[in-house]
Amino acid sequence: ALRHCFVNVTHYKGHIADRAISLVSISDHYKIIYRNIPKSSSSSARHAMKDYLEGEDWRLKHDEMEQLVHEKNYTMISFVREPLNRFYSSYDEAFFR
């Protein structure tokens, strides 16, 4: 089954954003940073940040996130997912796209 999962990375090169910059949701009121990990409930978490915690989406460099955590006492959170479930979900999304 894995032979069907081959991806030509040069074809999708423009689809991947710069890895040095990450999508995060920040709530300045509650001093929380949600670090987005694709295919790990990220859309639901970002909506919860916006709807309940006054969060906004930003693209930040790693150094900027570290500065908020260490110098301004923000708390960084994230969610992870069982690796095979994440892989299959990502494959399904790519296949149907």
N, C-alpha and C. Protein backbone atom coordinates (compact mmCIF):
# COMPACT_ATOMS: atom_id res chain seq x y z
N ALA A 1 0.81 -1.20 0.00
CA ALA A 1 0.00 0.00 0.00
C ALA A 1 0.85 1.27 0.00
N LEU A 2 2.04 1.19 0.61
CA LEU A 2 2.87 2.39 0.71
C LEU A 2 3.43 2.82 -0.64
N ARG A 3 3.49 1.93 -1.63
CA ARG A 3 4.01 2.33 -2.93
C ARG A 3 3.14 3.39 -3.59
N HIS A 4 1.88 3.49 -3.18
CA HIS A 4 0.97 4.50 -3.71
C HIS A 4 1.16 5.86 -3.04
N CYS A 5 2.00 5.92 -2.03
CA CYS A 5 2.18 7.14 -1.26
C CYS A 5 3.37 7.98 -1.73
N PHE A 6 4.03 7.60 -2.80
CA PHE A 6 5.17 8.36 -3.29
C PHE A 6 4.72 9.76 -3.70
N VAL A 7 5.48 10.75 -3.31
CA VAL A 7 5.19 12.14 -3.65
C VAL A 7 6.41 12.74 -4.32
N ASN A 8 6.21 13.35 -5.47
CA ASN A 8 7.29 14.05 -6.14
C ASN A 8 7.41 15.42 -5.47
N VAL A 9 8.41 15.59 -4.61
CA VAL A 9 8.52 16.82 -3.82
C VAL A 9 8.82 18.05 -4.67
N THR A 10 9.42 17.88 -5.83
CA THR A 10 9.68 19.05 -6.67
C THR A 10 8.37 19.61 -7.23
N HIS A 11 7.38 18.75 -7.41
CA HIS A 11 6.08 19.20 -7.90
C HIS A 11 5.36 20.08 -6.87
N TYR A 12 5.53 19.78 -5.59
CA TYR A 12 4.83 20.49 -4.52
C TYR A 12 5.71 21.51 -3.81
N LYS A 13 6.87 21.81 -4.37
CA LYS A 13 7.82 22.70 -3.70
C LYS A 13 7.20 24.05 -3.34
N GLY A 14 6.41 24.64 -4.23
CA GLY A 14 5.80 25.95 -3.96
C GLY A 14 4.65 25.91 -2.97
N HIS A 15 4.19 24.72 -2.60
CA HIS A 15 3.05 24.59 -1.69
C HIS A 15 3.47 24.65 -0.23
N ILE A 16 4.75 24.51 0.03
CA ILE A 16 5.23 24.46 1.41
C ILE A 16 5.84 25.80 1.76
N ALA A 17 5.31 26.38 2.83
CA ALA A 17 5.80 27.68 3.27
C ALA A 17 7.20 27.54 3.87
N ASP A 18 7.86 28.66 4.03
CA ASP A 18 9.18 28.70 4.64
C ASP A 18 9.13 28.06 6.03
N ARG A 19 9.94 27.05 6.26
CA ARG A 19 9.92 26.33 7.53
C ARG A 19 10.44 27.18 8.70
N ALA A 20 11.16 28.22 8.42
CA ALA A 20 11.68 29.07 9.49
C ALA A 20 10.57 29.93 10.09
N ILE A 21 9.46 30.05 9.39
CA ILE A 21 8.33 30.83 9.87
C ILE A 21 7.17 29.88 10.10
N SER A 22 6.54 29.98 11.28
CA SER A 22 5.47 29.06 11.66
C SER A 22 4.16 29.80 11.87
N LEU A 23 3.07 29.10 11.58
CA LEU A 23 1.74 29.62 11.85
C LEU A 23 1.42 29.41 13.32
N VAL A 24 1.07 30.47 14.00
CA VAL A 24 0.70 30.40 15.42
C VAL A 24 -0.55 31.24 15.65
N SER A 25 -1.26 30.91 16.71
CA SER A 25 -2.35 31.75 17.18
C SER A 25 -1.92 32.30 18.53
N ILE A 26 -2.07 33.60 18.70
CA ILE A 26 -1.60 34.26 19.92
C ILE A 26 -2.76 34.97 20.62
N SER A 27 -2.88 34.72 21.91
CA SER A 27 -3.81 35.46 22.75
C SER A 27 -2.98 36.34 23.67
N ASP A 28 -2.95 37.63 23.38
CA ASP A 28 -2.20 38.56 24.23
C ASP A 28 -2.87 38.70 25.59
N HIS A 29 -4.19 38.61 25.62
CA HIS A 29 -4.92 38.76 26.88
C HIS A 29 -4.57 37.65 27.87
N TYR A 30 -4.51 36.41 27.39
CA TYR A 30 -4.21 35.27 28.26
C TYR A 30 -2.75 34.81 28.19
N LYS A 31 -1.94 35.48 27.37
CA LYS A 31 -0.53 35.17 27.20
C LYS A 31 -0.32 33.70 26.81
N ILE A 32 -1.03 33.28 25.74
CA ILE A 32 -0.94 31.92 25.23
C ILE A 32 -0.54 31.97 23.76
N ILE A 33 0.37 31.09 23.39
CA ILE A 33 0.73 30.89 21.99
C ILE A 33 0.35 29.47 21.62
N TYR A 34 -0.49 29.31 20.62
CA TYR A 34 -0.80 27.97 20.11
C TYR A 34 0.06 27.75 18.88
N ARG A 35 0.95 26.77 18.92
CA ARG A 35 1.84 26.43 17.81
C ARG A 35 1.14 25.41 16.93
N ASN A 36 0.87 25.76 15.70
CA ASN A 36 0.13 24.93 14.77
C ASN A 36 0.98 23.76 14.26
N ILE A 37 0.45 22.55 14.35
CA ILE A 37 1.05 21.37 13.73
C ILE A 37 -0.02 20.82 12.79
N PRO A 38 0.23 20.86 11.48
CA PRO A 38 -0.80 20.42 10.52
C PRO A 38 -1.28 18.99 10.78
N LYS A 39 -2.56 18.77 10.53
CA LYS A 39 -3.23 17.47 10.67
C LYS A 39 -3.27 16.99 12.12
N SER A 40 -3.25 17.91 13.07
CA SER A 40 -3.31 17.55 14.50
C SER A 40 -4.33 18.42 15.22
N SER A 41 -5.53 18.52 14.66
CA SER A 41 -6.61 19.32 15.23
C SER A 41 -6.29 20.81 15.18
N SER A 42 -5.46 21.22 14.26
CA SER A 42 -5.00 22.61 14.22
C SER A 42 -6.12 23.59 13.89
N SER A 43 -7.01 23.25 12.97
CA SER A 43 -8.10 24.17 12.63
C SER A 43 -9.03 24.38 13.81
N SER A 44 -9.37 23.31 14.49
CA SER A 44 -10.25 23.41 15.66
C SER A 44 -9.60 24.24 16.76
N ALA A 45 -8.32 24.00 17.00
CA ALA A 45 -7.62 24.74 18.05
C ALA A 45 -7.51 26.22 17.70
N ARG A 46 -7.23 26.53 16.43
CA ARG A 46 -7.14 27.94 16.03
C ARG A 46 -8.48 28.64 16.17
N HIS A 47 -9.57 27.95 15.83
CA HIS A 47 -10.90 28.55 16.00
C HIS A 47 -11.22 28.76 17.48
N ALA A 48 -10.84 27.81 18.32
CA ALA A 48 -11.07 27.97 19.76
C ALA A 48 -10.26 29.15 20.30
N MET A 49 -9.03 29.29 19.85
CA MET A 49 -8.22 30.44 20.27
C MET A 49 -8.90 31.74 19.89
N LYS A 50 -9.43 31.80 18.68
CA LYS A 50 -10.08 33.03 18.20
C LYS A 50 -11.40 33.29 18.92
N ASP A 51 -12.23 32.25 19.04
CA ASP A 51 -13.57 32.43 19.59
C ASP A 51 -13.62 32.60 21.10
N TYR A 52 -12.72 31.92 21.83
CA TYR A 52 -12.81 31.91 23.29
C TYR A 52 -11.66 32.61 24.01
N LEU A 53 -10.53 32.76 23.34
CA LEU A 53 -9.36 33.30 24.03
C LEU A 53 -8.82 34.58 23.38
N GLU A 54 -9.61 35.19 22.52
CA GLU A 54 -9.24 36.44 21.87
C GLU A 54 -7.93 36.32 21.09
N GLY A 55 -7.73 35.19 20.45
CA GLY A 55 -6.49 34.94 19.72
C GLY A 55 -6.54 35.43 18.28
N GLU A 56 -5.37 35.65 17.72
CA GLU A 56 -5.21 36.04 16.32
C GLU A 56 -4.12 35.18 15.70
N ASP A 57 -4.27 34.88 14.41
CA ASP A 57 -3.27 34.11 13.69
C ASP A 57 -2.12 35.01 13.25
N TRP A 58 -0.91 34.51 13.42
CA TRP A 58 0.30 35.20 13.01
C TRP A 58 1.27 34.20 12.41
N ARG A 59 2.21 34.70 11.65
CA ARG A 59 3.34 33.90 11.19
C ARG A 59 4.58 34.47 11.87
N LEU A 60 5.21 33.64 12.70
CA LEU A 60 6.35 34.10 13.48
C LEU A 60 7.56 33.21 13.27
N LYS A 61 8.72 33.82 13.42
CA LYS A 61 9.97 33.08 13.43
C LYS A 61 10.14 32.43 14.80
N HIS A 62 10.94 31.39 14.83
CA HIS A 62 11.17 30.67 16.08
C HIS A 62 11.74 31.60 17.16
N ASP A 63 12.64 32.47 16.78
CA ASP A 63 13.24 33.41 17.74
C ASP A 63 12.19 34.33 18.35
N GLU A 64 11.22 34.75 17.56
CA GLU A 64 10.16 35.63 18.07
C GLU A 64 9.29 34.89 19.09
N MET A 65 9.01 33.61 18.82
CA MET A 65 8.23 32.81 19.77
C MET A 65 9.00 32.63 21.07
N GLU A 66 10.29 32.32 20.95
CA GLU A 66 11.13 32.17 22.15
C GLU A 66 11.16 33.45 22.98
N GLN A 67 11.23 34.58 22.31
CA GLN A 67 11.25 35.86 23.02
C GLN A 67 9.96 36.06 23.82
N LEU A 68 8.82 35.76 23.21
CA LEU A 68 7.54 35.90 23.92
C LEU A 68 7.49 34.97 25.13
N VAL A 69 7.97 33.75 24.98
CA VAL A 69 7.92 32.77 26.07
C VAL A 69 8.88 33.15 27.19
N HIS A 70 10.12 33.47 26.86
CA HIS A 70 11.13 33.70 27.89
C HIS A 70 11.13 35.11 28.47
N GLU A 71 10.81 36.10 27.66
CA GLU A 71 10.90 37.48 28.14
C GLU A 71 9.55 38.05 28.57
N LYS A 72 8.46 37.54 28.00
CA LYS A 72 7.15 38.11 28.32
C LYS A 72 6.21 37.11 28.98
N ASN A 73 6.76 35.95 29.37
CA ASN A 73 6.04 34.94 30.14
C ASN A 73 4.79 34.38 29.46
N TYR A 74 4.86 34.21 28.15
CA TYR A 74 3.78 33.54 27.44
C TYR A 74 3.92 32.03 27.63
N THR A 75 2.80 31.32 27.52
CA THR A 75 2.80 29.87 27.57
C THR A 75 2.55 29.36 26.16
N MET A 76 3.40 28.43 25.70
CA MET A 76 3.23 27.87 24.37
C MET A 76 2.59 26.49 24.50
N ILE A 77 1.54 26.25 23.70
CA ILE A 77 0.88 24.95 23.70
C ILE A 77 0.80 24.42 22.27
N SER A 78 0.61 23.12 22.17
CA SER A 78 0.44 22.49 20.88
C SER A 78 -0.22 21.14 21.11
N PHE A 79 -0.70 20.52 20.05
CA PHE A 79 -1.28 19.20 20.13
C PHE A 79 -0.54 18.29 19.16
N VAL A 80 -0.39 17.04 19.54
CA VAL A 80 0.21 16.05 18.66
C VAL A 80 -0.83 14.97 18.39
N ARG A 81 -0.55 14.17 17.38
CA ARG A 81 -1.48 13.13 16.97
C ARG A 81 -0.71 11.84 16.72
N GLU A 82 -1.36 10.72 16.90
CA GLU A 82 -0.75 9.43 16.65
C GLU A 82 -0.22 9.44 15.22
N PRO A 83 1.07 9.11 15.01
CA PRO A 83 1.71 9.30 13.71
C PRO A 83 1.02 8.64 12.52
N LEU A 84 0.57 7.42 12.65
CA LEU A 84 -0.08 6.77 11.50
C LEU A 84 -1.41 7.42 11.15
N ASN A 85 -2.19 7.81 12.15
CA ASN A 85 -3.45 8.51 11.87
C ASN A 85 -3.18 9.83 11.16
N ARG A 86 -2.15 10.53 11.60
CA ARG A 86 -1.78 11.80 10.97
C ARG A 86 -1.35 11.57 9.51
N PHE A 87 -0.56 10.53 9.28
CA PHE A 87 -0.10 10.21 7.93
C PHE A 87 -1.29 9.90 7.01
N TYR A 88 -2.20 9.03 7.47
CA TYR A 88 -3.35 8.67 6.63
C TYR A 88 -4.23 9.87 6.35
N SER A 89 -4.43 10.73 7.33
CA SER A 89 -5.23 11.93 7.13
C SER A 89 -4.58 12.86 6.11
N SER A 90 -3.27 13.02 6.21
CA SER A 90 -2.54 13.85 5.27
C SER A 90 -2.59 13.27 3.86
N TYR A 91 -2.45 11.95 3.76
CA TYR A 91 -2.53 11.27 2.46
C TYR A 91 -3.91 11.45 1.84
N ASP A 92 -4.96 11.25 2.63
CA ASP A 92 -6.33 11.42 2.12
C ASP A 92 -6.55 12.85 1.61
N GLU A 93 -6.06 13.82 2.37
CA GLU A 93 -6.23 15.22 1.95
C GLU A 93 -5.50 15.47 0.63
N ALA A 94 -4.28 14.99 0.49
CA ALA A 94 -3.52 15.18 -0.73
C ALA A 94 -4.17 14.45 -1.91
N PHE A 95 -4.68 13.25 -1.65
CA PHE A 95 -5.31 12.45 -2.71
C PHE A 95 -6.57 13.13 -3.23
N PHE A 96 -7.41 13.64 -2.34
CA PHE A 96 -8.67 14.26 -2.76
C PHE A 96 -8.49 15.68 -3.25
N ARG A 97 -7.38 16.30 -2.95
CA ARG A 97 -7.11 17.66 -3.42
C ARG A 97 -6.78 17.60 -4.88
